Amino acid sequence: MTFAEPVTLAGRRVVLEPLRATHAEAMEAAAADGELWKLWYTSVPAPGCMAGEIERRLGLQRTGSMLPFAVVDATGTVVGMTTYMNIDAIHRRVEIGSTWYAKRAQRTGLNTEAKLLLLTHAFDGLDCIAVEFRTHWMNQQSRAAIARLGARQDGVLRNHQIASDGSLRDTVVFSIIASEWAAVKSNLSYRLASAGA
């Protein structure tokens, strides 16, 4: 048994189910809502590439370094993807990342609940000591969303990666540690109970 086994995490607005090859067509449709592959500062599979990306993530799942999820809204429609990645079983750490949502699912409270589900499973289910988030320096929307979760910025990894277009990515690193989890959980639960979650 690996540290992080496939699991379904369900809330009122969203269900995170283990990613499967059969999700490819629905994922293509979700990514088309907003033409997300055109966002240069993030990585969403272009049309025709979704099946390959799903297989890549499932391959990493087989090695124990990733646990990918399909994001399904309350109507049962696939609206995106999210992942536990860079799983470190020895030190009980995961990164939540490689997340994207169809345009219609953005700013709806869905992300808040998805993150609450992932964080609850990480801290209360897997007994993680820390959960990390990383994003492109230029992705202001993602940086703001991560900060709203209650994560703290740890630093910036300059020239951290080479993008597919050859540009250099500065990566902003955030984390939530176990001692902060109770306050973060209360904040996210309060936000979800409020109309503006």
N, C-alpha and C. Protein backbone atom coordinates (compact mmCIF):
# COMPACT_ATOMS: atom_id res chain seq x y z
N MET A 1 0.85 -1.18 0.00
CA MET A 1 0.00 0.00 0.00
C MET A 1 0.89 1.24 0.00
N THR A 2 0.56 2.22 -0.87
CA THR A 2 1.32 3.45 -0.91
C THR A 2 0.76 4.45 0.09
N PHE A 3 1.50 5.51 0.31
CA PHE A 3 1.12 6.55 1.27
C PHE A 3 -0.23 7.17 0.93
N ALA A 4 -0.41 7.54 -0.32
CA ALA A 4 -1.65 8.20 -0.75
C ALA A 4 -2.36 7.33 -1.79
N GLU A 5 -3.38 6.62 -1.36
CA GLU A 5 -4.16 5.74 -2.23
C GLU A 5 -5.30 6.51 -2.89
N PRO A 6 -5.74 6.10 -4.09
CA PRO A 6 -6.88 6.76 -4.72
C PRO A 6 -8.10 6.75 -3.80
N VAL A 7 -8.77 7.89 -3.74
CA VAL A 7 -9.91 8.07 -2.85
C VAL A 7 -10.86 9.08 -3.49
N THR A 8 -12.15 8.95 -3.21
CA THR A 8 -13.13 9.94 -3.64
C THR A 8 -13.42 10.86 -2.46
N LEU A 9 -13.35 12.17 -2.72
CA LEU A 9 -13.61 13.18 -1.70
C LEU A 9 -14.83 13.98 -2.14
N ALA A 10 -15.88 14.00 -1.32
CA ALA A 10 -17.14 14.61 -1.74
C ALA A 10 -17.58 15.71 -0.80
N GLY A 11 -18.04 16.81 -1.39
CA GLY A 11 -18.64 17.91 -0.64
C GLY A 11 -19.99 18.23 -1.24
N ARG A 12 -20.53 19.42 -0.92
CA ARG A 12 -21.84 19.83 -1.46
C ARG A 12 -21.72 20.37 -2.89
N ARG A 13 -20.63 21.10 -3.17
CA ARG A 13 -20.46 21.73 -4.48
C ARG A 13 -19.62 20.91 -5.44
N VAL A 14 -18.83 19.99 -4.91
CA VAL A 14 -17.82 19.33 -5.74
C VAL A 14 -17.53 17.92 -5.25
N VAL A 15 -17.20 17.06 -6.20
CA VAL A 15 -16.70 15.72 -5.89
C VAL A 15 -15.35 15.59 -6.59
N LEU A 16 -14.35 15.14 -5.86
CA LEU A 16 -13.03 14.85 -6.42
C LEU A 16 -12.94 13.34 -6.51
N GLU A 17 -12.92 12.83 -7.74
CA GLU A 17 -12.87 11.39 -7.92
C GLU A 17 -11.56 11.00 -8.58
N PRO A 18 -11.09 9.79 -8.33
CA PRO A 18 -9.82 9.35 -8.93
C PRO A 18 -9.86 9.53 -10.45
N LEU A 19 -8.82 10.14 -10.98
CA LEU A 19 -8.73 10.37 -12.42
C LEU A 19 -8.64 9.04 -13.15
N ARG A 20 -9.38 8.93 -14.27
CA ARG A 20 -9.39 7.73 -15.10
C ARG A 20 -9.22 8.13 -16.56
N ALA A 21 -8.74 7.21 -17.36
CA ALA A 21 -8.60 7.47 -18.80
C ALA A 21 -9.93 7.84 -19.43
N THR A 22 -11.01 7.31 -18.89
CA THR A 22 -12.33 7.58 -19.45
C THR A 22 -12.80 9.02 -19.22
N HIS A 23 -12.07 9.81 -18.43
CA HIS A 23 -12.40 11.21 -18.22
C HIS A 23 -11.95 12.11 -19.38
N ALA A 24 -11.18 11.59 -20.31
CA ALA A 24 -10.52 12.42 -21.32
C ALA A 24 -11.49 13.31 -22.10
N GLU A 25 -12.56 12.74 -22.61
CA GLU A 25 -13.49 13.53 -23.44
C GLU A 25 -14.13 14.66 -22.64
N ALA A 26 -14.57 14.36 -21.43
CA ALA A 26 -15.18 15.38 -20.58
C ALA A 26 -14.15 16.45 -20.19
N MET A 27 -12.90 16.04 -19.99
CA MET A 27 -11.83 17.00 -19.67
C MET A 27 -11.56 17.93 -20.85
N GLU A 28 -11.61 17.38 -22.06
CA GLU A 28 -11.42 18.21 -23.27
C GLU A 28 -12.50 19.30 -23.30
N ALA A 29 -13.75 18.91 -23.02
CA ALA A 29 -14.85 19.87 -23.03
C ALA A 29 -14.66 20.93 -21.94
N ALA A 30 -14.22 20.51 -20.77
CA ALA A 30 -14.00 21.47 -19.68
C ALA A 30 -12.92 22.47 -20.04
N ALA A 31 -11.81 22.00 -20.61
CA ALA A 31 -10.70 22.88 -20.97
C ALA A 31 -11.10 23.84 -22.10
N ALA A 32 -12.05 23.42 -22.94
CA ALA A 32 -12.51 24.28 -24.04
C ALA A 32 -13.29 25.49 -23.52
N ASP A 33 -13.88 25.35 -22.32
CA ASP A 33 -14.62 26.46 -21.72
C ASP A 33 -13.61 27.48 -21.19
N GLY A 34 -13.32 28.47 -22.02
CA GLY A 34 -12.33 29.47 -21.68
C GLY A 34 -11.02 29.29 -22.44
N GLU A 35 -10.96 28.25 -23.29
CA GLU A 35 -9.73 27.94 -24.05
C GLU A 35 -8.50 28.03 -23.13
N LEU A 36 -8.54 27.25 -22.06
CA LEU A 36 -7.56 27.35 -20.98
C LEU A 36 -6.14 27.05 -21.43
N TRP A 37 -5.96 26.27 -22.48
CA TRP A 37 -4.62 25.94 -22.96
C TRP A 37 -3.90 27.16 -23.50
N LYS A 38 -4.63 28.26 -23.75
CA LYS A 38 -4.01 29.48 -24.27
C LYS A 38 -3.37 30.33 -23.17
N LEU A 39 -3.62 30.01 -21.90
CA LEU A 39 -3.02 30.76 -20.80
C LEU A 39 -1.54 30.38 -20.73
N TRP A 40 -0.67 31.30 -21.03
CA TRP A 40 0.76 30.99 -21.16
C TRP A 40 1.43 30.68 -19.82
N TYR A 41 0.86 31.15 -18.71
CA TYR A 41 1.51 31.00 -17.41
C TYR A 41 1.06 29.75 -16.64
N THR A 42 0.25 28.92 -17.27
CA THR A 42 -0.16 27.67 -16.64
C THR A 42 -0.14 26.58 -17.70
N SER A 43 -0.37 25.35 -17.28
CA SER A 43 -0.26 24.24 -18.22
C SER A 43 -1.55 23.42 -18.23
N VAL A 44 -2.38 23.69 -19.25
CA VAL A 44 -3.61 22.94 -19.46
C VAL A 44 -3.48 22.28 -20.84
N PRO A 45 -3.74 20.99 -20.94
CA PRO A 45 -3.56 20.30 -22.23
C PRO A 45 -4.36 20.93 -23.36
N ALA A 46 -3.72 21.08 -24.50
CA ALA A 46 -4.36 21.59 -25.71
C ALA A 46 -5.29 20.52 -26.28
N PRO A 47 -6.21 20.93 -27.16
CA PRO A 47 -7.09 19.93 -27.77
C PRO A 47 -6.29 18.78 -28.38
N GLY A 48 -6.77 17.56 -28.12
CA GLY A 48 -6.10 16.37 -28.63
C GLY A 48 -5.00 15.84 -27.74
N CYS A 49 -4.66 16.58 -26.68
CA CYS A 49 -3.54 16.17 -25.80
C CYS A 49 -4.00 15.68 -24.43
N MET A 50 -5.30 15.74 -24.16
CA MET A 50 -5.80 15.42 -22.82
C MET A 50 -5.54 13.96 -22.45
N ALA A 51 -5.79 13.03 -23.36
CA ALA A 51 -5.60 11.61 -23.04
C ALA A 51 -4.14 11.33 -22.65
N GLY A 52 -3.22 11.95 -23.35
CA GLY A 52 -1.80 11.79 -23.02
C GLY A 52 -1.45 12.35 -21.66
N GLU A 53 -2.05 13.50 -21.32
CA GLU A 53 -1.79 14.10 -20.00
C GLU A 53 -2.37 13.24 -18.89
N ILE A 54 -3.56 12.69 -19.13
CA ILE A 54 -4.15 11.80 -18.12
C ILE A 54 -3.26 10.57 -17.93
N GLU A 55 -2.77 10.00 -19.00
CA GLU A 55 -1.90 8.83 -18.89
C GLU A 55 -0.59 9.17 -18.18
N ARG A 56 -0.06 10.38 -18.42
CA ARG A 56 1.16 10.81 -17.72
C ARG A 56 0.92 10.87 -16.22
N ARG A 57 -0.21 11.46 -15.84
CA ARG A 57 -0.52 11.57 -14.41
C ARG A 57 -0.77 10.20 -13.79
N LEU A 58 -1.44 9.32 -14.51
CA LEU A 58 -1.68 7.98 -13.98
C LEU A 58 -0.38 7.19 -13.87
N GLY A 59 0.56 7.42 -14.78
CA GLY A 59 1.88 6.80 -14.67
C GLY A 59 2.60 7.25 -13.41
N LEU A 60 2.52 8.54 -13.10
CA LEU A 60 3.14 9.05 -11.87
C LEU A 60 2.41 8.52 -10.63
N GLN A 61 1.11 8.29 -10.76
CA GLN A 61 0.37 7.69 -9.65
C GLN A 61 0.90 6.28 -9.37
N ARG A 62 1.18 5.54 -10.43
CA ARG A 62 1.70 4.17 -10.24
C ARG A 62 3.04 4.16 -9.53
N THR A 63 3.82 5.22 -9.65
CA THR A 63 5.12 5.29 -8.96
C THR A 63 4.99 5.82 -7.53
N GLY A 64 3.79 6.30 -7.17
CA GLY A 64 3.56 6.82 -5.82
C GLY A 64 3.89 8.28 -5.65
N SER A 65 4.20 9.00 -6.74
CA SER A 65 4.58 10.41 -6.60
C SER A 65 3.44 11.37 -6.89
N MET A 66 2.29 10.86 -7.36
CA MET A 66 1.16 11.73 -7.71
C MET A 66 -0.14 11.00 -7.44
N LEU A 67 -1.16 11.76 -7.08
CA LEU A 67 -2.52 11.23 -6.93
C LEU A 67 -3.47 12.23 -7.60
N PRO A 68 -3.84 11.98 -8.86
CA PRO A 68 -4.66 12.93 -9.61
C PRO A 68 -6.16 12.69 -9.44
N PHE A 69 -6.91 13.80 -9.52
CA PHE A 69 -8.36 13.76 -9.36
C PHE A 69 -9.05 14.45 -10.54
N ALA A 70 -10.22 13.95 -10.90
CA ALA A 70 -11.15 14.67 -11.76
C ALA A 70 -12.04 15.50 -10.84
N VAL A 71 -12.27 16.75 -11.22
CA VAL A 71 -13.13 17.64 -10.45
C VAL A 71 -14.51 17.65 -11.10
N VAL A 72 -15.53 17.25 -10.32
CA VAL A 72 -16.89 17.10 -10.83
C VAL A 72 -17.80 18.04 -10.03
N ASP A 73 -18.58 18.87 -10.73
CA ASP A 73 -19.44 19.82 -10.02
C ASP A 73 -20.73 19.14 -9.53
N ALA A 74 -21.59 19.92 -8.89
CA ALA A 74 -22.80 19.37 -8.27
C ALA A 74 -23.78 18.80 -9.29
N THR A 75 -23.64 19.17 -10.56
CA THR A 75 -24.53 18.62 -11.59
C THR A 75 -23.99 17.31 -12.17
N GLY A 76 -22.80 16.90 -11.72
CA GLY A 76 -22.19 15.68 -12.23
C GLY A 76 -21.31 15.91 -13.45
N THR A 77 -21.03 17.17 -13.76
CA THR A 77 -20.23 17.53 -14.92
C THR A 77 -18.76 17.68 -14.54
N VAL A 78 -17.88 17.08 -15.32
CA VAL A 78 -16.44 17.25 -15.09
C VAL A 78 -16.07 18.68 -15.46
N VAL A 79 -15.42 19.39 -14.52
CA VAL A 79 -15.07 20.80 -14.75
C VAL A 79 -13.58 21.08 -14.59
N GLY A 80 -12.78 20.04 -14.35
CA GLY A 80 -11.35 20.30 -14.23
C GLY A 80 -10.59 19.15 -13.61
N MET A 81 -9.38 19.48 -13.19
CA MET A 81 -8.44 18.51 -12.64
C MET A 81 -7.70 19.13 -11.46
N THR A 82 -7.31 18.31 -10.51
CA THR A 82 -6.43 18.74 -9.44
C THR A 82 -5.61 17.52 -9.00
N THR A 83 -4.56 17.77 -8.24
CA THR A 83 -3.60 16.69 -7.98
C THR A 83 -2.87 16.87 -6.67
N TYR A 84 -2.66 15.75 -5.97
CA TYR A 84 -1.59 15.69 -4.97
C TYR A 84 -0.35 15.33 -5.77
N MET A 85 0.70 16.10 -5.67
CA MET A 85 1.90 15.84 -6.43
C MET A 85 3.13 15.98 -5.54
N ASN A 86 4.27 15.58 -6.08
CA ASN A 86 5.52 15.60 -5.30
C ASN A 86 5.29 14.99 -3.92
N ILE A 87 4.60 13.86 -3.91
CA ILE A 87 4.26 13.17 -2.66
C ILE A 87 5.54 12.67 -1.99
N ASP A 88 5.70 13.02 -0.73
CA ASP A 88 6.87 12.60 0.05
C ASP A 88 6.36 11.81 1.25
N ALA A 89 6.26 10.50 1.09
CA ALA A 89 5.69 9.64 2.14
C ALA A 89 6.56 9.62 3.39
N ILE A 90 7.87 9.68 3.22
CA ILE A 90 8.78 9.62 4.37
C ILE A 90 8.56 10.82 5.29
N HIS A 91 8.43 12.00 4.69
CA HIS A 91 8.29 13.22 5.49
C HIS A 91 6.84 13.70 5.57
N ARG A 92 5.91 12.88 5.06
CA ARG A 92 4.47 13.15 5.14
C ARG A 92 4.14 14.56 4.64
N ARG A 93 4.54 14.80 3.39
CA ARG A 93 4.26 16.08 2.73
C ARG A 93 3.67 15.82 1.36
N VAL A 94 2.77 16.70 0.94
CA VAL A 94 2.25 16.67 -0.43
C VAL A 94 2.17 18.10 -0.94
N GLU A 95 2.16 18.22 -2.25
CA GLU A 95 1.87 19.50 -2.89
C GLU A 95 0.51 19.35 -3.57
N ILE A 96 -0.33 20.36 -3.44
CA ILE A 96 -1.58 20.41 -4.19
C ILE A 96 -1.33 21.31 -5.38
N GLY A 97 -1.50 20.76 -6.58
CA GLY A 97 -1.20 21.56 -7.75
C GLY A 97 -1.71 20.95 -9.03
N SER A 98 -1.18 21.49 -10.15
CA SER A 98 -1.65 21.11 -11.49
C SER A 98 -3.17 21.15 -11.54
N THR A 99 -3.71 22.23 -10.96
CA THR A 99 -5.16 22.41 -10.85
C THR A 99 -5.64 23.39 -11.92
N TRP A 100 -6.71 23.04 -12.58
CA TRP A 100 -7.36 23.97 -13.50
C TRP A 100 -8.85 23.67 -13.52
N TYR A 101 -9.63 24.73 -13.80
CA TYR A 101 -11.09 24.61 -13.84
C TYR A 101 -11.63 25.29 -15.10
N ALA A 102 -12.70 24.73 -15.66
CA ALA A 102 -13.43 25.39 -16.74
C ALA A 102 -13.81 26.79 -16.29
N LYS A 103 -13.88 27.69 -17.22
CA LYS A 103 -14.17 29.09 -16.88
C LYS A 103 -15.45 29.22 -16.05
N ARG A 104 -16.49 28.43 -16.40
CA ARG A 104 -17.76 28.53 -15.70
C ARG A 104 -17.67 28.11 -14.23
N ALA A 105 -16.63 27.35 -13.87
CA ALA A 105 -16.47 26.88 -12.50
C ALA A 105 -15.60 27.81 -11.66
N GLN A 106 -14.94 28.75 -12.31
CA GLN A 106 -14.06 29.67 -11.59
C GLN A 106 -14.88 30.69 -10.81
N ARG A 107 -14.40 31.06 -9.63
CA ARG A 107 -15.04 32.06 -8.77
C ARG A 107 -16.46 31.67 -8.36
N THR A 108 -16.66 30.38 -8.09
CA THR A 108 -17.99 29.89 -7.72
C THR A 108 -18.04 29.30 -6.31
N GLY A 109 -16.94 29.20 -5.63
CA GLY A 109 -16.88 28.51 -4.35
C GLY A 109 -16.43 27.07 -4.51
N LEU A 110 -16.43 26.58 -5.74
CA LEU A 110 -16.01 25.21 -6.02
C LEU A 110 -14.56 24.98 -5.61
N ASN A 111 -13.67 25.91 -5.94
CA ASN A 111 -12.26 25.76 -5.60
C ASN A 111 -12.05 25.75 -4.09
N THR A 112 -12.78 26.62 -3.39
CA THR A 112 -12.65 26.66 -1.92
C THR A 112 -13.00 25.31 -1.32
N GLU A 113 -14.12 24.73 -1.77
CA GLU A 113 -14.52 23.44 -1.22
C GLU A 113 -13.56 22.33 -1.64
N ALA A 114 -13.08 22.37 -2.89
CA ALA A 114 -12.13 21.36 -3.35
C ALA A 114 -10.85 21.40 -2.51
N LYS A 115 -10.37 22.60 -2.24
CA LYS A 115 -9.15 22.72 -1.43
C LYS A 115 -9.40 22.26 0.00
N LEU A 116 -10.59 22.57 0.55
CA LEU A 116 -10.92 22.11 1.90
C LEU A 116 -10.93 20.58 1.95
N LEU A 117 -11.50 19.95 0.94
CA LEU A 117 -11.52 18.49 0.89
C LEU A 117 -10.10 17.92 0.81
N LEU A 118 -9.27 18.49 -0.06
CA LEU A 118 -7.90 18.01 -0.23
C LEU A 118 -7.07 18.23 1.03
N LEU A 119 -7.22 19.40 1.63
CA LEU A 119 -6.45 19.70 2.85
C LEU A 119 -6.91 18.83 4.01
N THR A 120 -8.21 18.61 4.14
CA THR A 120 -8.73 17.76 5.22
C THR A 120 -8.18 16.34 5.07
N HIS A 121 -8.18 15.82 3.86
CA HIS A 121 -7.65 14.47 3.66
C HIS A 121 -6.15 14.43 3.93
N ALA A 122 -5.44 15.47 3.50
CA ALA A 122 -3.98 15.50 3.71
C ALA A 122 -3.64 15.55 5.19
N PHE A 123 -4.25 16.46 5.92
CA PHE A 123 -3.88 16.63 7.33
C PHE A 123 -4.55 15.61 8.25
N ASP A 124 -5.85 15.35 8.04
CA ASP A 124 -6.58 14.47 8.95
C ASP A 124 -6.54 13.01 8.52
N GLY A 125 -6.42 12.76 7.22
CA GLY A 125 -6.38 11.39 6.73
C GLY A 125 -4.97 10.84 6.57
N LEU A 126 -4.08 11.65 5.97
CA LEU A 126 -2.70 11.19 5.72
C LEU A 126 -1.72 11.63 6.79
N ASP A 127 -2.18 12.45 7.73
CA ASP A 127 -1.34 12.96 8.82
C ASP A 127 -0.12 13.72 8.30
N CYS A 128 -0.35 14.53 7.27
CA CYS A 128 0.74 15.33 6.71
C CYS A 128 1.22 16.38 7.71
N ILE A 129 2.51 16.69 7.63
CA ILE A 129 3.06 17.76 8.46
C ILE A 129 3.03 19.09 7.72
N ALA A 130 2.91 19.04 6.38
CA ALA A 130 2.84 20.26 5.58
C ALA A 130 2.22 19.95 4.23
N VAL A 131 1.53 20.94 3.70
CA VAL A 131 0.98 20.88 2.35
C VAL A 131 1.48 22.11 1.61
N GLU A 132 2.01 21.89 0.43
CA GLU A 132 2.64 22.95 -0.35
C GLU A 132 1.79 23.30 -1.56
N PHE A 133 1.92 24.54 -2.00
CA PHE A 133 1.30 25.03 -3.24
C PHE A 133 2.37 25.80 -4.01
N ARG A 134 2.40 25.63 -5.32
CA ARG A 134 3.34 26.37 -6.15
C ARG A 134 2.60 26.94 -7.35
N THR A 135 3.01 28.12 -7.77
CA THR A 135 2.40 28.73 -8.95
C THR A 135 3.39 29.65 -9.64
N HIS A 136 3.09 29.98 -10.87
CA HIS A 136 3.92 30.89 -11.65
C HIS A 136 3.84 32.30 -11.04
N TRP A 137 4.96 32.99 -11.00
CA TRP A 137 5.01 34.35 -10.49
C TRP A 137 3.97 35.23 -11.18
N MET A 138 3.75 35.03 -12.48
CA MET A 138 2.84 35.87 -13.26
C MET A 138 1.36 35.50 -13.08
N ASN A 139 1.08 34.38 -12.44
CA ASN A 139 -0.30 33.94 -12.29
C ASN A 139 -0.90 34.59 -11.04
N GLN A 140 -1.27 35.86 -11.20
CA GLN A 140 -1.79 36.63 -10.06
C GLN A 140 -3.07 36.03 -9.49
N GLN A 141 -3.94 35.50 -10.36
CA GLN A 141 -5.20 34.91 -9.89
C GLN A 141 -4.93 33.71 -8.98
N SER A 142 -3.99 32.86 -9.37
CA SER A 142 -3.65 31.69 -8.57
C SER A 142 -2.98 32.10 -7.26
N ARG A 143 -2.07 33.06 -7.32
CA ARG A 143 -1.39 33.51 -6.10
C ARG A 143 -2.39 34.05 -5.09
N ALA A 144 -3.34 34.86 -5.56
CA ALA A 144 -4.35 35.43 -4.67
C ALA A 144 -5.24 34.33 -4.08
N ALA A 145 -5.61 33.35 -4.91
CA ALA A 145 -6.46 32.26 -4.43
C ALA A 145 -5.74 31.43 -3.36
N ILE A 146 -4.46 31.17 -3.57
CA ILE A 146 -3.69 30.39 -2.59
C ILE A 146 -3.58 31.15 -1.27
N ALA A 147 -3.33 32.45 -1.35
CA ALA A 147 -3.25 33.26 -0.13
C ALA A 147 -4.58 33.28 0.60
N ARG A 148 -5.71 33.35 -0.15
CA ARG A 148 -7.04 33.34 0.50
C ARG A 148 -7.30 32.03 1.25
N LEU A 149 -6.66 30.96 0.82
CA LEU A 149 -6.82 29.69 1.54
C LEU A 149 -6.24 29.76 2.94
N GLY A 150 -5.29 30.66 3.14
CA GLY A 150 -4.60 30.75 4.42
C GLY A 150 -3.18 30.26 4.35
N ALA A 151 -2.71 29.92 3.14
CA ALA A 151 -1.33 29.48 2.96
C ALA A 151 -0.40 30.68 3.08
N ARG A 152 0.80 30.44 3.55
CA ARG A 152 1.80 31.51 3.67
C ARG A 152 2.86 31.34 2.59
N GLN A 153 3.31 32.47 2.08
CA GLN A 153 4.34 32.42 1.04
C GLN A 153 5.69 32.11 1.69
N ASP A 154 6.31 31.04 1.19
CA ASP A 154 7.62 30.63 1.70
C ASP A 154 8.75 31.32 0.95
N GLY A 155 8.54 31.59 -0.34
CA GLY A 155 9.59 32.21 -1.12
C GLY A 155 9.35 32.06 -2.61
N VAL A 156 10.33 32.49 -3.38
CA VAL A 156 10.26 32.44 -4.84
C VAL A 156 11.49 31.69 -5.36
N LEU A 157 11.25 30.67 -6.16
CA LEU A 157 12.33 29.94 -6.83
C LEU A 157 12.53 30.59 -8.19
N ARG A 158 13.58 31.39 -8.31
CA ARG A 158 13.80 32.15 -9.54
C ARG A 158 14.40 31.24 -10.62
N ASN A 159 13.94 31.46 -11.89
CA ASN A 159 14.37 30.61 -13.01
C ASN A 159 14.25 29.13 -12.65
N HIS A 160 13.12 28.78 -12.08
CA HIS A 160 12.89 27.44 -11.56
C HIS A 160 12.65 26.42 -12.65
N GLN A 161 11.98 26.83 -13.73
CA GLN A 161 11.64 25.89 -14.80
C GLN A 161 11.69 26.59 -16.15
N ILE A 162 11.86 25.78 -17.20
CA ILE A 162 11.80 26.29 -18.56
C ILE A 162 10.44 25.89 -19.13
N ALA A 163 9.66 26.88 -19.54
CA ALA A 163 8.33 26.63 -20.08
C ALA A 163 8.43 26.07 -21.49
N SER A 164 7.31 25.54 -21.98
CA SER A 164 7.30 24.94 -23.32
C SER A 164 7.63 25.96 -24.41
N ASP A 165 7.38 27.25 -24.13
CA ASP A 165 7.71 28.29 -25.12
C ASP A 165 9.14 28.82 -24.95
N GLY A 166 9.89 28.23 -24.01
CA GLY A 166 11.27 28.63 -23.79
C GLY A 166 11.46 29.70 -22.73
N SER A 167 10.37 30.31 -22.27
CA SER A 167 10.49 31.33 -21.23
C SER A 167 10.85 30.68 -19.89
N LEU A 168 11.44 31.46 -19.01
CA LEU A 168 11.84 30.95 -17.70
C LEU A 168 10.78 31.29 -16.66
N ARG A 169 10.43 30.30 -15.87
CA ARG A 169 9.38 30.47 -14.87
C ARG A 169 9.99 30.71 -13.50
N ASP A 170 9.56 31.79 -12.85
CA ASP A 170 9.82 31.99 -11.43
C ASP A 170 8.63 31.36 -10.70
N THR A 171 8.88 30.48 -9.75
CA THR A 171 7.83 29.75 -9.05
C THR A 171 7.67 30.29 -7.64
N VAL A 172 6.45 30.68 -7.28
CA VAL A 172 6.14 31.15 -5.94
C VAL A 172 5.69 29.94 -5.12
N VAL A 173 6.31 29.74 -3.97
CA VAL A 173 6.03 28.59 -3.10
C VAL A 173 5.28 29.05 -1.86
N PHE A 174 4.16 28.39 -1.58
CA PHE A 174 3.36 28.63 -0.39
C PHE A 174 3.22 27.32 0.37
N SER A 175 2.88 27.40 1.66
CA SER A 175 2.59 26.18 2.40
C SER A 175 1.64 26.46 3.55
N ILE A 176 1.01 25.38 3.99
CA ILE A 176 0.25 25.34 5.24
C ILE A 176 0.88 24.22 6.04
N ILE A 177 1.22 24.49 7.30
CA ILE A 177 1.81 23.45 8.15
C ILE A 177 0.76 22.95 9.14
N ALA A 178 1.05 21.79 9.70
CA ALA A 178 0.05 21.11 10.54
C ALA A 178 -0.47 21.98 11.68
N SER A 179 0.41 22.78 12.29
CA SER A 179 -0.02 23.61 13.42
C SER A 179 -0.96 24.74 12.99
N GLU A 180 -1.00 25.05 11.70
CA GLU A 180 -1.89 26.10 11.19
C GLU A 180 -3.22 25.54 10.70
N TRP A 181 -3.30 24.22 10.59
CA TRP A 181 -4.44 23.59 9.93
C TRP A 181 -5.78 23.91 10.58
N ALA A 182 -5.87 23.90 11.90
CA ALA A 182 -7.16 24.14 12.57
C ALA A 182 -7.71 25.51 12.20
N ALA A 183 -6.87 26.53 12.20
CA ALA A 183 -7.33 27.88 11.85
C ALA A 183 -7.70 27.97 10.38
N VAL A 184 -6.90 27.36 9.52
CA VAL A 184 -7.19 27.37 8.08
C VAL A 184 -8.52 26.66 7.82
N LYS A 185 -8.72 25.52 8.47
CA LYS A 185 -9.97 24.76 8.29
C LYS A 185 -11.18 25.58 8.73
N SER A 186 -11.07 26.27 9.86
CA SER A 186 -12.17 27.12 10.33
C SER A 186 -12.47 28.23 9.34
N ASN A 187 -11.42 28.85 8.81
CA ASN A 187 -11.59 29.94 7.84
C ASN A 187 -12.29 29.44 6.57
N LEU A 188 -11.83 28.32 6.03
CA LEU A 188 -12.42 27.80 4.79
C LEU A 188 -13.86 27.36 5.01
N SER A 189 -14.14 26.75 6.16
CA SER A 189 -15.51 26.32 6.47
C SER A 189 -16.43 27.53 6.60
N TYR A 190 -15.93 28.59 7.22
CA TYR A 190 -16.71 29.83 7.36
C TYR A 190 -16.99 30.43 5.99
N ARG A 191 -15.98 30.48 5.14
CA ARG A 191 -16.16 31.05 3.81
C ARG A 191 -17.19 30.27 3.00
N LEU A 192 -17.15 28.94 3.13
CA LEU A 192 -18.12 28.12 2.40
C LEU A 192 -19.53 28.33 2.89
N ALA A 193 -19.68 28.61 4.19
CA ALA A 193 -21.01 28.84 4.76
C ALA A 193 -21.54 30.23 4.40
N SER A 194 -20.65 31.10 3.97
CA SER A 194 -21.05 32.47 3.59
C SER A 194 -21.44 32.52 2.12
N ALA A 195 -22.23 33.46 1.77
CA ALA A 195 -22.72 33.57 0.38
C ALA A 195 -21.61 33.82 -0.60
N GLY A 196 -20.55 34.50 -0.19
CA GLY A 196 -19.49 34.86 -1.12
C GLY A 196 -18.32 33.91 -1.13
N ALA A 197 -18.51 32.65 -0.78
CA ALA A 197 -17.41 31.68 -0.71
C ALA A 197 -16.65 31.59 -2.01
